[in-house]
N, C-alpha and C. Protein backbone atom coordinates (compact mmCIF):
# COMPACT_ATOMS: atom_id res chain seq x y z
N MET A 1 -118.59 -78.21 54.55
CA MET A 1 -119.83 -78.36 55.29
C MET A 1 -120.25 -79.82 55.25
N ASN A 2 -120.25 -80.42 56.40
CA ASN A 2 -120.69 -81.80 56.50
C ASN A 2 -122.02 -81.86 57.22
N LEU A 3 -123.05 -81.36 56.56
CA LEU A 3 -124.39 -81.35 57.15
C LEU A 3 -125.28 -82.29 56.37
N ASP A 4 -125.79 -83.30 57.06
CA ASP A 4 -126.72 -84.20 56.40
C ASP A 4 -128.15 -83.71 56.62
N ALA A 5 -129.10 -84.46 56.13
CA ALA A 5 -130.51 -84.04 56.21
C ALA A 5 -130.96 -83.84 57.65
N LEU A 6 -130.51 -84.70 58.58
CA LEU A 6 -130.91 -84.55 59.98
C LEU A 6 -130.33 -83.29 60.60
N ASP A 7 -129.07 -82.98 60.28
CA ASP A 7 -128.46 -81.75 60.77
C ASP A 7 -129.26 -80.53 60.28
N ARG A 8 -129.63 -80.54 59.02
CA ARG A 8 -130.40 -79.43 58.46
C ARG A 8 -131.77 -79.31 59.12
N LYS A 9 -132.40 -80.44 59.41
CA LYS A 9 -133.69 -80.42 60.11
C LYS A 9 -133.52 -79.83 61.51
N ILE A 10 -132.45 -80.21 62.19
CA ILE A 10 -132.18 -79.69 63.53
C ILE A 10 -131.98 -78.18 63.47
N LEU A 11 -131.16 -77.73 62.54
CA LEU A 11 -130.91 -76.29 62.42
C LEU A 11 -132.18 -75.52 62.10
N ALA A 12 -132.99 -76.04 61.19
CA ALA A 12 -134.24 -75.37 60.83
C ALA A 12 -135.19 -75.32 62.03
N ALA A 13 -135.30 -76.42 62.76
CA ALA A 13 -136.20 -76.46 63.92
C ALA A 13 -135.74 -75.49 65.01
N LEU A 14 -134.43 -75.43 65.26
CA LEU A 14 -133.92 -74.53 66.30
C LEU A 14 -134.03 -73.07 65.90
N GLN A 15 -133.96 -72.78 64.60
CA GLN A 15 -134.17 -71.40 64.16
C GLN A 15 -135.60 -70.96 64.42
N GLN A 16 -136.54 -71.89 64.30
CA GLN A 16 -137.95 -71.56 64.55
C GLN A 16 -138.24 -71.46 66.05
N ASP A 17 -137.62 -72.32 66.85
CA ASP A 17 -137.86 -72.31 68.30
C ASP A 17 -136.66 -72.92 69.02
N ALA A 18 -135.77 -72.06 69.47
CA ALA A 18 -134.55 -72.53 70.14
C ALA A 18 -134.84 -73.04 71.55
N ARG A 19 -136.06 -72.86 72.03
CA ARG A 19 -136.42 -73.33 73.37
C ARG A 19 -136.98 -74.76 73.35
N LEU A 20 -137.00 -75.38 72.20
CA LEU A 20 -137.47 -76.77 72.15
C LEU A 20 -136.64 -77.62 73.11
N SER A 21 -137.30 -78.47 73.86
CA SER A 21 -136.54 -79.42 74.69
C SER A 21 -135.86 -80.41 73.75
N ASN A 22 -134.85 -81.07 74.23
CA ASN A 22 -134.17 -82.06 73.40
C ASN A 22 -135.13 -83.16 72.98
N VAL A 23 -136.02 -83.55 73.88
CA VAL A 23 -136.99 -84.61 73.56
C VAL A 23 -137.92 -84.14 72.43
N ASP A 24 -138.41 -82.90 72.52
CA ASP A 24 -139.29 -82.38 71.47
C ASP A 24 -138.55 -82.21 70.15
N LEU A 25 -137.31 -81.72 70.22
CA LEU A 25 -136.50 -81.57 69.01
C LEU A 25 -136.26 -82.92 68.36
N ALA A 26 -135.89 -83.91 69.16
CA ALA A 26 -135.62 -85.25 68.63
C ALA A 26 -136.86 -85.80 67.93
N GLU A 27 -138.02 -85.62 68.55
CA GLU A 27 -139.26 -86.10 67.95
C GLU A 27 -139.55 -85.37 66.64
N LYS A 28 -139.31 -84.08 66.63
CA LYS A 28 -139.59 -83.26 65.45
C LYS A 28 -138.71 -83.66 64.25
N VAL A 29 -137.46 -84.05 64.52
CA VAL A 29 -136.55 -84.39 63.42
C VAL A 29 -136.44 -85.89 63.17
N GLY A 30 -137.09 -86.70 63.99
CA GLY A 30 -137.10 -88.14 63.76
C GLY A 30 -135.90 -88.87 64.31
N LEU A 31 -135.41 -88.44 65.46
CA LEU A 31 -134.29 -89.12 66.13
C LEU A 31 -134.69 -89.46 67.55
N SER A 32 -133.92 -90.33 68.18
CA SER A 32 -134.10 -90.52 69.61
C SER A 32 -133.30 -89.42 70.33
N PRO A 33 -133.62 -89.13 71.58
CA PRO A 33 -133.01 -88.00 72.28
C PRO A 33 -131.48 -88.00 72.36
N SER A 34 -130.86 -89.12 72.66
CA SER A 34 -129.40 -89.13 72.82
C SER A 34 -128.65 -88.76 71.54
N PRO A 35 -128.96 -89.40 70.41
CA PRO A 35 -128.28 -89.00 69.17
C PRO A 35 -128.58 -87.54 68.77
N CYS A 36 -129.79 -87.10 69.07
CA CYS A 36 -130.15 -85.72 68.76
C CYS A 36 -129.29 -84.76 69.57
N LEU A 37 -129.14 -85.04 70.86
CA LEU A 37 -128.33 -84.18 71.72
C LEU A 37 -126.88 -84.16 71.25
N ARG A 38 -126.36 -85.31 70.84
CA ARG A 38 -124.98 -85.36 70.33
C ARG A 38 -124.83 -84.50 69.08
N ARG A 39 -125.81 -84.57 68.20
CA ARG A 39 -125.75 -83.75 66.97
C ARG A 39 -125.81 -82.26 67.29
N VAL A 40 -126.69 -81.87 68.19
CA VAL A 40 -126.78 -80.46 68.56
C VAL A 40 -125.45 -80.00 69.16
N LYS A 41 -124.88 -80.80 70.02
CA LYS A 41 -123.58 -80.46 70.63
C LYS A 41 -122.51 -80.31 69.55
N ARG A 42 -122.49 -81.22 68.58
CA ARG A 42 -121.52 -81.13 67.49
C ARG A 42 -121.74 -79.85 66.66
N LEU A 43 -123.00 -79.54 66.37
CA LEU A 43 -123.31 -78.32 65.61
C LEU A 43 -122.87 -77.07 66.37
N GLU A 44 -123.00 -77.10 67.68
CA GLU A 44 -122.51 -75.99 68.51
C GLU A 44 -120.99 -75.93 68.48
N ASP A 45 -120.35 -77.08 68.72
CA ASP A 45 -118.87 -77.13 68.76
C ASP A 45 -118.25 -76.71 67.44
N GLU A 46 -118.89 -77.05 66.32
CA GLU A 46 -118.35 -76.72 65.01
C GLU A 46 -118.74 -75.31 64.55
N GLY A 47 -119.49 -74.60 65.38
CA GLY A 47 -119.81 -73.20 65.09
C GLY A 47 -121.01 -72.96 64.19
N TYR A 48 -121.74 -74.01 63.83
CA TYR A 48 -122.96 -73.80 63.03
C TYR A 48 -124.01 -73.06 63.86
N ILE A 49 -124.08 -73.42 65.15
CA ILE A 49 -124.95 -72.72 66.09
C ILE A 49 -124.04 -71.84 66.92
N ARG A 50 -124.17 -70.52 66.74
CA ARG A 50 -123.30 -69.57 67.45
C ARG A 50 -123.80 -69.26 68.84
N SER A 51 -125.12 -69.13 69.00
CA SER A 51 -125.67 -68.78 70.31
C SER A 51 -127.17 -68.98 70.30
N TYR A 52 -127.75 -68.81 71.46
CA TYR A 52 -129.20 -68.84 71.62
C TYR A 52 -129.58 -67.52 72.30
N ARG A 53 -130.72 -66.94 71.87
CA ARG A 53 -131.14 -65.69 72.49
C ARG A 53 -132.64 -65.50 72.31
N ALA A 54 -133.17 -64.62 73.12
CA ALA A 54 -134.57 -64.24 72.99
C ALA A 54 -134.65 -63.06 72.03
N VAL A 55 -135.62 -63.07 71.13
CA VAL A 55 -135.86 -61.96 70.23
C VAL A 55 -136.98 -61.13 70.85
N LEU A 56 -136.65 -59.92 71.23
CA LEU A 56 -137.60 -59.06 71.92
C LEU A 56 -138.41 -58.23 70.94
N ASP A 57 -139.60 -57.85 71.34
CA ASP A 57 -140.42 -56.94 70.56
C ASP A 57 -139.90 -55.53 70.80
N ARG A 58 -139.36 -54.91 69.78
CA ARG A 58 -138.72 -53.60 69.92
C ARG A 58 -139.67 -52.56 70.49
N ARG A 59 -140.86 -52.51 69.96
CA ARG A 59 -141.82 -51.50 70.43
C ARG A 59 -142.21 -51.71 71.89
N LYS A 60 -142.39 -52.96 72.28
CA LYS A 60 -142.80 -53.23 73.66
C LYS A 60 -141.71 -52.88 74.67
N VAL A 61 -140.45 -52.87 74.23
CA VAL A 61 -139.37 -52.47 75.14
C VAL A 61 -138.97 -51.01 74.92
N GLY A 62 -139.83 -50.27 74.23
CA GLY A 62 -139.63 -48.83 74.09
C GLY A 62 -138.67 -48.40 73.01
N LEU A 63 -138.39 -49.27 72.04
CA LEU A 63 -137.50 -48.92 70.94
C LEU A 63 -138.33 -48.82 69.66
N GLY A 64 -139.05 -47.70 69.53
CA GLY A 64 -140.03 -47.53 68.48
C GLY A 64 -139.49 -47.04 67.15
N LEU A 65 -138.20 -46.71 67.09
CA LEU A 65 -137.65 -46.19 65.83
C LEU A 65 -136.45 -47.03 65.39
N THR A 66 -136.54 -47.54 64.17
CA THR A 66 -135.41 -48.24 63.56
C THR A 66 -134.92 -47.40 62.40
N VAL A 67 -133.61 -47.22 62.34
CA VAL A 67 -132.99 -46.40 61.30
C VAL A 67 -131.87 -47.21 60.66
N TYR A 68 -131.85 -47.23 59.34
CA TYR A 68 -130.74 -47.83 58.61
C TYR A 68 -129.83 -46.68 58.19
N VAL A 69 -128.58 -46.78 58.60
CA VAL A 69 -127.64 -45.67 58.45
C VAL A 69 -126.51 -46.08 57.52
N ASP A 70 -126.32 -45.29 56.46
CA ASP A 70 -125.19 -45.45 55.55
C ASP A 70 -124.11 -44.48 56.00
N ILE A 71 -122.91 -44.99 56.18
CA ILE A 71 -121.79 -44.16 56.62
C ILE A 71 -120.70 -44.20 55.56
N LYS A 72 -120.32 -43.04 55.08
CA LYS A 72 -119.24 -42.90 54.09
C LYS A 72 -118.05 -42.28 54.82
N VAL A 73 -116.88 -42.86 54.62
CA VAL A 73 -115.67 -42.33 55.26
C VAL A 73 -114.79 -41.63 54.22
N GLU A 74 -113.91 -40.76 54.71
CA GLU A 74 -113.05 -39.98 53.81
C GLU A 74 -111.84 -40.76 53.33
N LYS A 75 -111.16 -41.41 54.21
CA LYS A 75 -109.91 -42.08 53.87
C LYS A 75 -110.05 -43.58 54.06
N HIS A 76 -109.75 -44.33 53.02
CA HIS A 76 -109.86 -45.78 53.10
C HIS A 76 -108.52 -46.39 53.48
N SER A 77 -108.53 -47.13 54.57
CA SER A 77 -107.35 -47.89 54.98
C SER A 77 -107.82 -49.00 55.91
N ALA A 78 -107.01 -50.01 56.04
CA ALA A 78 -107.36 -51.12 56.93
C ALA A 78 -107.49 -50.62 58.37
N GLU A 79 -106.63 -49.70 58.75
CA GLU A 79 -106.66 -49.16 60.12
C GLU A 79 -107.95 -48.38 60.37
N ASN A 80 -108.36 -47.53 59.42
CA ASN A 80 -109.61 -46.78 59.57
C ASN A 80 -110.81 -47.70 59.60
N ALA A 81 -110.81 -48.71 58.75
CA ALA A 81 -111.93 -49.66 58.72
C ALA A 81 -112.04 -50.39 60.06
N ALA A 82 -110.91 -50.83 60.60
CA ALA A 82 -110.92 -51.52 61.90
C ALA A 82 -111.39 -50.59 63.00
N SER A 83 -110.98 -49.33 62.95
CA SER A 83 -111.40 -48.35 63.94
C SER A 83 -112.91 -48.12 63.90
N HIS A 84 -113.46 -47.95 62.70
CA HIS A 84 -114.90 -47.76 62.56
C HIS A 84 -115.67 -49.00 63.01
N GLN A 85 -115.14 -50.16 62.70
CA GLN A 85 -115.77 -51.40 63.12
C GLN A 85 -115.86 -51.45 64.65
N ARG A 86 -114.77 -51.18 65.33
CA ARG A 86 -114.76 -51.20 66.80
C ARG A 86 -115.75 -50.19 67.37
N MET A 87 -115.80 -49.01 66.78
CA MET A 87 -116.72 -47.97 67.28
C MET A 87 -118.17 -48.36 67.08
N LEU A 88 -118.50 -48.93 65.94
CA LEU A 88 -119.88 -49.36 65.70
C LEU A 88 -120.26 -50.51 66.63
N GLU A 89 -119.33 -51.44 66.85
CA GLU A 89 -119.59 -52.55 67.76
C GLU A 89 -119.85 -52.07 69.18
N ALA A 90 -119.25 -50.96 69.57
CA ALA A 90 -119.36 -50.44 70.94
C ALA A 90 -120.66 -49.69 71.19
N LEU A 91 -121.38 -49.31 70.15
CA LEU A 91 -122.62 -48.55 70.33
C LEU A 91 -123.79 -49.51 70.56
N PRO A 92 -124.41 -49.48 71.73
CA PRO A 92 -125.51 -50.42 72.00
C PRO A 92 -126.72 -50.22 71.09
N GLU A 93 -126.89 -49.02 70.57
CA GLU A 93 -128.03 -48.75 69.68
C GLU A 93 -127.86 -49.40 68.31
N VAL A 94 -126.63 -49.75 67.96
CA VAL A 94 -126.35 -50.42 66.69
C VAL A 94 -126.56 -51.92 66.89
N VAL A 95 -127.62 -52.46 66.30
CA VAL A 95 -127.92 -53.88 66.48
C VAL A 95 -127.33 -54.75 65.38
N SER A 96 -126.95 -54.13 64.27
CA SER A 96 -126.19 -54.84 63.25
C SER A 96 -125.40 -53.81 62.46
N ALA A 97 -124.24 -54.23 61.99
CA ALA A 97 -123.39 -53.33 61.21
C ALA A 97 -122.60 -54.16 60.21
N HIS A 98 -122.37 -53.55 59.05
CA HIS A 98 -121.68 -54.26 57.98
C HIS A 98 -120.75 -53.30 57.24
N MET A 99 -119.60 -53.79 56.83
CA MET A 99 -118.77 -53.07 55.88
C MET A 99 -119.32 -53.44 54.51
N VAL A 100 -119.59 -52.44 53.67
CA VAL A 100 -120.23 -52.69 52.39
C VAL A 100 -119.48 -52.00 51.26
N SER A 101 -119.81 -52.38 50.06
CA SER A 101 -119.30 -51.66 48.89
C SER A 101 -120.47 -50.94 48.25
N GLY A 102 -120.18 -49.90 47.53
CA GLY A 102 -121.24 -49.12 46.90
C GLY A 102 -121.16 -47.68 47.34
N GLU A 103 -122.32 -47.05 47.48
CA GLU A 103 -122.37 -45.64 47.88
C GLU A 103 -121.76 -45.41 49.26
N ALA A 104 -122.02 -46.32 50.19
CA ALA A 104 -121.53 -46.18 51.56
C ALA A 104 -120.40 -47.16 51.81
N ASP A 105 -119.71 -46.95 52.92
CA ASP A 105 -118.65 -47.86 53.33
C ASP A 105 -119.10 -48.78 54.46
N PHE A 106 -120.03 -48.26 55.28
CA PHE A 106 -120.60 -49.04 56.38
C PHE A 106 -122.11 -48.86 56.37
N PHE A 107 -122.79 -49.90 56.82
CA PHE A 107 -124.24 -49.91 56.88
C PHE A 107 -124.61 -50.39 58.28
N ALA A 108 -125.38 -49.60 59.02
CA ALA A 108 -125.72 -49.96 60.39
C ALA A 108 -127.23 -49.91 60.59
N GLU A 109 -127.73 -50.86 61.35
CA GLU A 109 -129.12 -50.85 61.78
C GLU A 109 -129.14 -50.34 63.21
N VAL A 110 -129.87 -49.28 63.42
CA VAL A 110 -129.91 -48.60 64.72
C VAL A 110 -131.33 -48.66 65.26
N VAL A 111 -131.46 -48.96 66.55
CA VAL A 111 -132.77 -48.90 67.21
C VAL A 111 -132.68 -47.93 68.38
N VAL A 112 -133.65 -47.04 68.46
CA VAL A 112 -133.72 -46.02 69.50
C VAL A 112 -135.19 -45.80 69.88
N PRO A 113 -135.43 -45.16 71.01
CA PRO A 113 -136.82 -44.93 71.41
C PRO A 113 -137.59 -44.02 70.46
N ASP A 114 -136.94 -42.96 69.96
CA ASP A 114 -137.67 -41.98 69.16
C ASP A 114 -136.69 -41.12 68.37
N LEU A 115 -137.26 -40.17 67.63
CA LEU A 115 -136.45 -39.29 66.78
C LEU A 115 -135.46 -38.45 67.59
N ALA A 116 -135.87 -37.98 68.74
CA ALA A 116 -134.96 -37.19 69.59
C ALA A 116 -133.75 -38.01 70.01
N ALA A 117 -133.97 -39.27 70.34
CA ALA A 117 -132.85 -40.14 70.73
C ALA A 117 -131.92 -40.38 69.53
N TYR A 118 -132.51 -40.54 68.33
CA TYR A 118 -131.67 -40.72 67.15
C TYR A 118 -130.88 -39.44 66.85
N GLU A 119 -131.51 -38.29 66.99
CA GLU A 119 -130.80 -37.04 66.76
C GLU A 119 -129.59 -36.92 67.69
N GLU A 120 -129.77 -37.29 68.94
CA GLU A 120 -128.66 -37.25 69.89
C GLU A 120 -127.55 -38.23 69.50
N LEU A 121 -127.93 -39.45 69.14
CA LEU A 121 -126.94 -40.44 68.70
C LEU A 121 -126.19 -39.95 67.47
N LEU A 122 -126.93 -39.41 66.52
CA LEU A 122 -126.33 -38.92 65.28
C LEU A 122 -125.36 -37.78 65.54
N THR A 123 -125.82 -36.76 66.25
CA THR A 123 -125.01 -35.56 66.42
C THR A 123 -123.89 -35.73 67.44
N GLN A 124 -124.13 -36.50 68.48
CA GLN A 124 -123.14 -36.63 69.54
C GLN A 124 -122.13 -37.75 69.31
N ARG A 125 -122.56 -38.82 68.62
CA ARG A 125 -121.65 -39.96 68.49
C ARG A 125 -121.32 -40.36 67.06
N LEU A 126 -122.32 -40.51 66.20
CA LEU A 126 -122.03 -40.96 64.84
C LEU A 126 -121.23 -39.93 64.05
N LEU A 127 -121.67 -38.68 64.09
CA LEU A 127 -120.95 -37.64 63.33
C LEU A 127 -119.59 -37.33 63.92
N SER A 128 -119.34 -37.75 65.16
CA SER A 128 -118.03 -37.50 65.77
C SER A 128 -117.04 -38.63 65.50
N LEU A 129 -117.49 -39.69 64.80
CA LEU A 129 -116.55 -40.75 64.44
C LEU A 129 -115.49 -40.16 63.51
N PRO A 130 -114.25 -40.55 63.70
CA PRO A 130 -113.19 -39.99 62.85
C PRO A 130 -113.37 -40.36 61.38
N MET A 131 -113.03 -39.43 60.51
CA MET A 131 -113.01 -39.63 59.07
C MET A 131 -114.39 -39.80 58.45
N VAL A 132 -115.48 -39.49 59.17
CA VAL A 132 -116.82 -39.60 58.59
C VAL A 132 -117.01 -38.48 57.58
N LYS A 133 -117.32 -38.87 56.36
CA LYS A 133 -117.55 -37.90 55.29
C LYS A 133 -119.03 -37.58 55.14
N ASP A 134 -119.87 -38.62 55.26
CA ASP A 134 -121.29 -38.42 55.04
C ASP A 134 -122.06 -39.52 55.77
N ILE A 135 -123.24 -39.16 56.25
CA ILE A 135 -124.15 -40.13 56.87
C ILE A 135 -125.53 -39.91 56.27
N ARG A 136 -126.14 -41.00 55.85
CA ARG A 136 -127.51 -40.94 55.34
C ARG A 136 -128.38 -41.86 56.19
N SER A 137 -129.50 -41.35 56.60
CA SER A 137 -130.40 -42.08 57.48
C SER A 137 -131.67 -42.47 56.73
N ASN A 138 -132.06 -43.73 56.85
CA ASN A 138 -133.28 -44.25 56.26
C ASN A 138 -134.17 -44.73 57.40
N PHE A 139 -135.31 -44.09 57.59
CA PHE A 139 -136.19 -44.40 58.70
C PHE A 139 -137.21 -45.46 58.31
N VAL A 140 -137.37 -46.45 59.15
CA VAL A 140 -138.33 -47.51 58.91
C VAL A 140 -139.73 -46.99 59.23
N ILE A 141 -140.61 -47.08 58.26
CA ILE A 141 -142.01 -46.69 58.46
C ILE A 141 -142.76 -47.82 59.17
N ARG A 142 -142.58 -49.05 58.62
CA ARG A 142 -143.22 -50.23 59.19
C ARG A 142 -142.34 -51.44 58.88
N PRO A 143 -141.99 -52.22 59.89
CA PRO A 143 -141.21 -53.43 59.60
C PRO A 143 -142.09 -54.46 58.88
N ILE A 144 -141.52 -55.12 57.91
CA ILE A 144 -142.24 -56.14 57.16
C ILE A 144 -141.80 -57.53 57.61
N LYS A 145 -140.50 -57.75 57.61
CA LYS A 145 -139.95 -59.04 58.02
C LYS A 145 -138.65 -58.77 58.76
N THR A 146 -138.61 -59.22 59.99
CA THR A 146 -137.39 -59.05 60.79
C THR A 146 -137.04 -60.38 61.43
N ASP A 147 -135.79 -60.54 61.75
CA ASP A 147 -135.32 -61.72 62.48
C ASP A 147 -135.70 -63.02 61.79
N GLY A 148 -135.67 -63.04 60.48
CA GLY A 148 -136.02 -64.24 59.73
C GLY A 148 -134.97 -65.34 59.90
N ALA A 149 -135.42 -66.57 59.78
CA ALA A 149 -134.52 -67.71 59.81
C ALA A 149 -133.68 -67.73 58.54
N LEU A 150 -132.46 -68.24 58.65
CA LEU A 150 -131.61 -68.35 57.48
C LEU A 150 -132.14 -69.45 56.56
N PRO A 151 -132.14 -69.23 55.25
CA PRO A 151 -132.58 -70.28 54.33
C PRO A 151 -131.51 -71.37 54.27
N LEU A 152 -131.93 -72.62 54.30
CA LEU A 152 -130.98 -73.73 54.31
C LEU A 152 -131.14 -74.66 53.11
N ASP A 153 -132.03 -74.33 52.17
CA ASP A 153 -132.29 -75.20 51.03
C ASP A 153 -131.04 -75.46 50.19
N HIS A 154 -130.14 -74.52 50.14
CA HIS A 154 -128.93 -74.70 49.33
C HIS A 154 -128.01 -75.78 49.89
N LEU A 155 -128.26 -76.21 51.12
CA LEU A 155 -127.44 -77.24 51.76
C LEU A 155 -127.93 -78.66 51.45
N SER A 156 -129.05 -78.79 50.75
CA SER A 156 -129.60 -80.11 50.50
C SER A 156 -128.63 -80.94 49.69
N GLU A 157 -128.69 -82.21 49.95
CA GLU A 157 -127.78 -83.14 49.28
C GLU A 157 -128.15 -83.23 47.80
N GLY A 158 -127.14 -83.12 46.94
CA GLY A 158 -127.39 -83.08 45.51
C GLY A 158 -127.15 -84.35 44.90
């Protein structure tokens, strides 16, 4: 990681507001616009910045239920893991998914309009995934912190 203090400032500022104009970003981090633009381009090219997107209000777009789903599979193999990964990636209701260790093998964050929609997703698609041994659903009562910026303090120059 070759990130200096200015790179870290740029990353932190863009995490807070990716719509900043280059001029505003440059002013915020203490650079002139041209060098700032070059740094942003380098951070994009090197993969530090993967993409830009709008974060939508789930409730306002009719997705009032968030469920964290633990999925346990019967047979462990690289092929089964890859298959489950592809299937989870293909479900639009799954907004994040992870292979984990512990009680479950996969952990998915699911957003749906309501309990009836989750029941349909669970019974029609999740339980029909091959080799599924068990599924546990954890329903979000109230979100506390979502879409947080990544902490960058560990990148500071020592």
